[in-house]
Amino acid sequence: MEGPLWAPWRMQYIEAGSEPRACIFCEPSEPLSDAQRLVLHRSEHVFVLLNRFPYSPGHLMVAPYAHVGLVEELDTETQRDLMARISDSARLLRAQYDCEGLNIGANIGRAGGAGFEAHVHFHLVPRWSGDHNFMTVVGEIRVIPKHLEKIYEELLERFQELA
């Protein structure tokens, strides 16, 4: 491979390191717009947002408004809304990106790999045959072929159809 590989957007993630940080799923103390937070859809109990540090294009997260760490701590209505939005998100990702598969899951607790263990959330990661190459395997680098803002705009149009 010749020349540098530029990924300046990753510096925000790297500089955050392991220092304590505010929960990205809770409303920030200084209000930000949904577009700034990459929120695509809000329902009564949960919301859908684009992952700022994705594993593949269209990597979404679905989270409840309630700041709880375990699925079983959510009331039944929130659990139903959560599953409905996961289902909607899967359908919309397949429609928008013609992905061949999806990884859907939650990392519960530190040992389970949760980056924000106090606020349960689910990931939806679109997948295509052969989508991960040597970059991910060797250098722990993600190659996202489309700009995050463009992905947000495309998916926002789809999610607005839910309203």
C-alpha atoms as a PDB file:
ATOM      1  CA  MET A   1       0.000   0.000   0.000  1.00  0.00           C
ATOM      2  CA  GLU A   2       1.385   3.374  -1.022  1.00  0.00           C
ATOM      3  CA  GLY A   3       0.867   6.688   0.750  1.00  0.00           C
ATOM      4  CA  PRO A   4      -0.872   7.678   3.946  1.00  0.00           C
ATOM      5  CA  LEU A   5      -4.245   6.477   5.143  1.00  0.00           C
ATOM      6  CA  TRP A   6      -6.224   9.431   6.456  1.00  0.00           C
ATOM      7  CA  ALA A   7      -8.989   9.016   9.040  1.00  0.00           C
ATOM      8  CA  PRO A   8      -9.044  12.337  10.943  1.00  0.00           C
ATOM      9  CA  TRP A   9     -12.532  11.696  12.329  1.00  0.00           C
ATOM     10  CA  ARG A  10     -11.051   8.863  14.449  1.00  0.00           C
ATOM     11  CA  MET A  11      -9.001  11.338  16.535  1.00  0.00           C
ATOM     12  CA  GLN A  12     -12.100  12.300  18.534  1.00  0.00           C
ATOM     13  CA  TYR A  13     -12.482   8.636  19.546  1.00  0.00           C
ATOM     14  CA  ILE A  14      -8.759   8.140  20.231  1.00  0.00           C
ATOM     15  CA  GLU A  15      -8.390  11.286  22.341  1.00  0.00           C
ATOM     16  CA  ALA A  16     -11.363  10.307  24.480  1.00  0.00           C
ATOM     17  CA  GLY A  17      -9.381   7.208  25.470  1.00  0.00           C
ATOM     18  CA  SER A  18     -10.451   5.682  28.734  1.00  0.00           C
ATOM     19  CA  GLU A  19     -11.328   8.920  30.526  1.00  0.00           C
ATOM     20  CA  PRO A  20     -14.808   9.014  32.034  1.00  0.00           C
ATOM     21  CA  ARG A  21     -17.261  10.506  29.577  1.00  0.00           C
ATOM     22  CA  ALA A  22     -20.886  11.500  29.497  1.00  0.00           C
ATOM     23  CA  CYS A  23     -23.387   8.904  28.339  1.00  0.00           C
ATOM     24  CA  ILE A  24     -23.927   9.404  24.599  1.00  0.00           C
ATOM     25  CA  PHE A  25     -27.462   8.023  24.903  1.00  0.00           C
ATOM     26  CA  CYS A  26     -28.643  10.559  27.488  1.00  0.00           C
ATOM     27  CA  GLU A  27     -29.544  14.131  26.579  1.00  0.00           C
ATOM     28  CA  PRO A  28     -26.401  16.280  26.925  1.00  0.00           C
ATOM     29  CA  SER A  29     -26.325  19.136  29.442  1.00  0.00           C
ATOM     30  CA  GLU A  30     -25.885  21.569  26.541  1.00  0.00           C
ATOM     31  CA  PRO A  31     -28.666  20.740  24.093  1.00  0.00           C
ATOM     32  CA  LEU A  32     -27.672  19.512  20.646  1.00  0.00           C
ATOM     33  CA  SER A  33     -29.909  19.003  17.631  1.00  0.00           C
ATOM     34  CA  ASP A  34     -30.845  15.512  16.532  1.00  0.00           C
ATOM     35  CA  ALA A  35     -28.695  16.047  13.430  1.00  0.00           C
ATOM     36  CA  GLN A  36     -25.664  16.904  15.600  1.00  0.00           C
ATOM     37  CA  ARG A  37     -26.252  13.752  17.654  1.00  0.00           C
ATOM     38  CA  LEU A  38     -27.022  11.718  14.480  1.00  0.00           C
ATOM     39  CA  VAL A  39     -30.481  10.799  15.811  1.00  0.00           C
ATOM     40  CA  LEU A  40     -32.577   9.448  12.952  1.00  0.00           C
ATOM     41  CA  HIS A  41     -35.857   8.620  14.675  1.00  0.00           C
ATOM     42  CA  ARG A  42     -37.613   9.060  18.009  1.00  0.00           C
ATOM     43  CA  SER A  43     -40.543   7.043  19.280  1.00  0.00           C
ATOM     44  CA  GLU A  44     -42.285   7.113  22.645  1.00  0.00           C
ATOM     45  CA  HIS A  45     -39.679   5.136  24.615  1.00  0.00           C
ATOM     46  CA  VAL A  46     -36.615   4.746  22.377  1.00  0.00           C
ATOM     47  CA  PHE A  47     -34.604   6.431  19.641  1.00  0.00           C
ATOM     48  CA  VAL A  48     -32.423   5.361  16.709  1.00  0.00           C
ATOM     49  CA  LEU A  49     -29.071   6.947  15.961  1.00  0.00           C
ATOM     50  CA  LEU A  50     -26.199   6.443  13.583  1.00  0.00           C
ATOM     51  CA  ASN A  51     -22.998   5.164  15.185  1.00  0.00           C
ATOM     52  CA  ARG A  52     -20.351   7.907  14.965  1.00  0.00           C
ATOM     53  CA  PHE A  53     -17.585   5.267  14.920  1.00  0.00           C
ATOM     54  CA  PRO A  54     -19.154   2.581  12.700  1.00  0.00           C
ATOM     55  CA  TYR A  55     -18.041  -0.940  11.847  1.00  0.00           C
ATOM     56  CA  SER A  56     -19.723  -0.627   8.448  1.00  0.00           C
ATOM     57  CA  PRO A  57     -21.804   1.968   6.559  1.00  0.00           C
ATOM     58  CA  GLY A  58     -25.231   2.376   8.141  1.00  0.00           C
ATOM     59  CA  HIS A  59     -24.212   1.023  11.572  1.00  0.00           C
ATOM     60  CA  LEU A  60     -27.147   2.046  13.796  1.00  0.00           C
ATOM     61  CA  MET A  61     -27.875   1.923  17.504  1.00  0.00           C
ATOM     62  CA  VAL A  62     -31.295   1.735  19.153  1.00  0.00           C
ATOM     63  CA  ALA A  63     -31.497   2.901  22.757  1.00  0.00           C
ATOM     64  CA  PRO A  64     -34.198   3.644  25.324  1.00  0.00           C
ATOM     65  CA  TYR A  65     -34.461   7.100  26.848  1.00  0.00           C
ATOM     66  CA  ALA A  66     -34.231   5.408  30.259  1.00  0.00           C
ATOM     67  CA  HIS A  67     -30.665   5.257  31.565  1.00  0.00           C
ATOM     68  CA  VAL A  68     -30.546   1.601  32.616  1.00  0.00           C
ATOM     69  CA  GLY A  69     -27.872  -0.996  32.017  1.00  0.00           C
ATOM     70  CA  LEU A  70     -29.921  -4.158  31.598  1.00  0.00           C
ATOM     71  CA  VAL A  71     -32.732  -5.095  29.233  1.00  0.00           C
ATOM     72  CA  GLU A  72     -34.659  -6.687  32.085  1.00  0.00           C
ATOM     73  CA  GLU A  73     -34.713  -3.332  33.919  1.00  0.00           C
ATOM     74  CA  LEU A  74     -36.847  -1.830  31.130  1.00  0.00           C
ATOM     75  CA  ASP A  75     -40.626  -1.844  31.517  1.00  0.00           C
ATOM     76  CA  THR A  76     -42.660  -3.953  29.098  1.00  0.00           C
ATOM     77  CA  GLU A  77     -43.788  -1.016  26.950  1.00  0.00           C
ATOM     78  CA  THR A  78     -40.189   0.124  26.460  1.00  0.00           C
ATOM     79  CA  GLN A  79     -39.096  -3.429  25.599  1.00  0.00           C
ATOM     80  CA  ARG A  80     -41.855  -3.643  22.969  1.00  0.00           C
ATOM     81  CA  ASP A  81     -40.947  -0.247  21.503  1.00  0.00           C
ATOM     82  CA  LEU A  82     -37.269  -1.231  21.468  1.00  0.00           C
ATOM     83  CA  MET A  83     -37.940  -4.425  19.513  1.00  0.00           C
ATOM     84  CA  ALA A  84     -40.295  -2.603  17.102  1.00  0.00           C
ATOM     85  CA  ARG A  85     -37.638   0.039  16.344  1.00  0.00           C
ATOM     86  CA  ILE A  86     -34.969  -2.669  15.897  1.00  0.00           C
ATOM     87  CA  SER A  87     -37.282  -4.373  13.412  1.00  0.00           C
ATOM     88  CA  ASP A  88     -38.008  -1.079  11.589  1.00  0.00           C
ATOM     89  CA  SER A  89     -34.295  -0.277  11.477  1.00  0.00           C
ATOM     90  CA  ALA A  90     -33.414  -3.682  10.024  1.00  0.00           C
ATOM     91  CA  ARG A  91     -36.062  -3.300   7.319  1.00  0.00           C
ATOM     92  CA  LEU A  92     -34.919   0.234   6.445  1.00  0.00           C
ATOM     93  CA  LEU A  93     -31.230  -0.729   6.302  1.00  0.00           C
ATOM     94  CA  ARG A  94     -31.986  -3.600   3.922  1.00  0.00           C
ATOM     95  CA  ALA A  95     -34.119  -1.295   1.749  1.00  0.00           C
ATOM     96  CA  GLN A  96     -31.518   1.492   1.643  1.00  0.00           C
ATOM     97  CA  TYR A  97     -28.291  -0.486   1.297  1.00  0.00           C
ATOM     98  CA  ASP A  98     -29.343  -3.882  -0.050  1.00  0.00           C
ATOM     99  CA  CYS A  99     -27.208  -5.518   2.630  1.00  0.00           C
ATOM    100  CA  GLU A 100     -26.942  -9.297   2.497  1.00  0.00           C
ATOM    101  CA  GLY A 101     -27.103  -9.698   6.254  1.00  0.00           C
ATOM    102  CA  LEU A 102     -27.198  -7.861   9.565  1.00  0.00           C
ATOM    103  CA  ASN A 103     -25.524  -8.293  12.911  1.00  0.00           C
ATOM    104  CA  ILE A 104     -28.008  -7.272  15.612  1.00  0.00           C
ATOM    105  CA  GLY A 105     -27.019  -7.376  19.250  1.00  0.00           C
ATOM    106  CA  ALA A 106     -26.234  -5.715  22.524  1.00  0.00           C
ATOM    107  CA  ASN A 107     -23.046  -5.712  24.561  1.00  0.00           C
ATOM    108  CA  ILE A 108     -24.187  -6.020  28.167  1.00  0.00           C
ATOM    109  CA  GLY A 109     -21.731  -5.131  30.933  1.00  0.00           C
ATOM    110  CA  ARG A 110     -18.021  -4.439  30.729  1.00  0.00           C
ATOM    111  CA  ALA A 111     -17.145  -8.122  30.285  1.00  0.00           C
ATOM    112  CA  GLY A 112     -19.676  -8.251  27.438  1.00  0.00           C
ATOM    113  CA  GLY A 113     -17.852  -5.431  25.633  1.00  0.00           C
ATOM    114  CA  ALA A 114     -20.189  -2.533  26.456  1.00  0.00           C
ATOM    115  CA  GLY A 115     -18.629   0.873  25.875  1.00  0.00           C
ATOM    116  CA  PHE A 116     -21.502   2.479  27.788  1.00  0.00           C
ATOM    117  CA  GLU A 117     -22.454  -0.268  30.203  1.00  0.00           C
ATOM    118  CA  ALA A 118     -24.882   1.854  32.246  1.00  0.00           C
ATOM    119  CA  HIS A 119     -27.173   2.504  29.242  1.00  0.00           C
ATOM    120  CA  VAL A 120     -28.381  -0.564  27.356  1.00  0.00           C
ATOM    121  CA  HIS A 121     -28.508  -0.216  23.575  1.00  0.00           C
ATOM    122  CA  PHE A 122     -28.610  -2.450  20.520  1.00  0.00           C
ATOM    123  CA  HIS A 123     -26.379  -2.316  17.458  1.00  0.00           C
ATOM    124  CA  LEU A 124     -27.497  -3.059  13.898  1.00  0.00           C
ATOM    125  CA  VAL A 125     -24.525  -3.572  11.595  1.00  0.00           C
ATOM    126  CA  PRO A 126     -25.213  -4.080   7.877  1.00  0.00           C
ATOM    127  CA  ARG A 127     -23.100  -6.833   6.292  1.00  0.00           C
ATOM    128  CA  TRP A 128     -22.172  -7.896   2.769  1.00  0.00           C
ATOM    129  CA  SER A 129     -20.249 -10.963   1.621  1.00  0.00           C
ATOM    130  CA  GLY A 130     -16.560 -10.127   1.754  1.00  0.00           C
ATOM    131  CA  ASP A 131     -17.117  -6.749   3.421  1.00  0.00           C
ATOM    132  CA  HIS A 132     -14.184  -7.067   5.789  1.00  0.00           C
ATOM    133  CA  ASN A 133     -10.721  -7.159   4.335  1.00  0.00           C
ATOM    134  CA  PHE A 134      -7.131  -7.216   5.555  1.00  0.00           C
ATOM    135  CA  MET A 135      -7.460  -3.667   6.940  1.00  0.00           C
ATOM    136  CA  THR A 136      -9.759  -4.826   9.743  1.00  0.00           C
ATOM    137  CA  VAL A 137      -7.911  -8.065  10.378  1.00  0.00           C
ATOM    138  CA  VAL A 138      -4.381  -6.656  10.413  1.00  0.00           C
ATOM    139  CA  GLY A 139      -4.714  -3.047  11.476  1.00  0.00           C
ATOM    140  CA  GLU A 140      -8.029  -2.874  13.341  1.00  0.00           C
ATOM    141  CA  ILE A 141      -9.050  -0.247  10.762  1.00  0.00           C
ATOM    142  CA  ARG A 142     -12.564   0.187   9.412  1.00  0.00           C
ATOM    143  CA  VAL A 143     -12.974   1.209   5.793  1.00  0.00           C
ATOM    144  CA  ILE A 144     -16.230   3.120   5.431  1.00  0.00           C
ATOM    145  CA  PRO A 145     -16.650   4.016   1.759  1.00  0.00           C
ATOM    146  CA  LYS A 146     -19.254   6.726   2.301  1.00  0.00           C
ATOM    147  CA  HIS A 147     -19.135   9.873   4.445  1.00  0.00           C
ATOM    148  CA  LEU A 148     -21.061   9.663   7.719  1.00  0.00           C
ATOM    149  CA  GLU A 149     -23.081  12.806   6.943  1.00  0.00           C
ATOM    150  CA  LYS A 150     -24.235  11.345   3.595  1.00  0.00           C
ATOM    151  CA  ILE A 151     -25.285   8.111   5.306  1.00  0.00           C
ATOM    152  CA  TYR A 152     -27.196  10.169   7.890  1.00  0.00           C
ATOM    153  CA  GLU A 153     -29.052  12.094   5.158  1.00  0.00           C
ATOM    154  CA  GLU A 154     -29.986   8.900   3.293  1.00  0.00           C
ATOM    155  CA  LEU A 155     -31.256   7.102   6.369  1.00  0.00           C
ATOM    156  CA  LEU A 156     -33.039  10.158   7.759  1.00  0.00           C
ATOM    157  CA  GLU A 157     -35.268  10.179   4.660  1.00  0.00           C
ATOM    158  CA  ARG A 158     -36.173   6.513   5.292  1.00  0.00           C
ATOM    159  CA  PHE A 159     -36.862   7.026   9.010  1.00  0.00           C
ATOM    160  CA  GLN A 160     -39.047  10.074   8.338  1.00  0.00           C
ATOM    161  CA  GLU A 161     -41.419   7.657   6.587  1.00  0.00           C
ATOM    162  CA  LEU A 162     -42.049   6.029   9.998  1.00  0.00           C
ATOM    163  CA  ALA A 163     -43.414   9.234  11.534  1.00  0.00           C
END
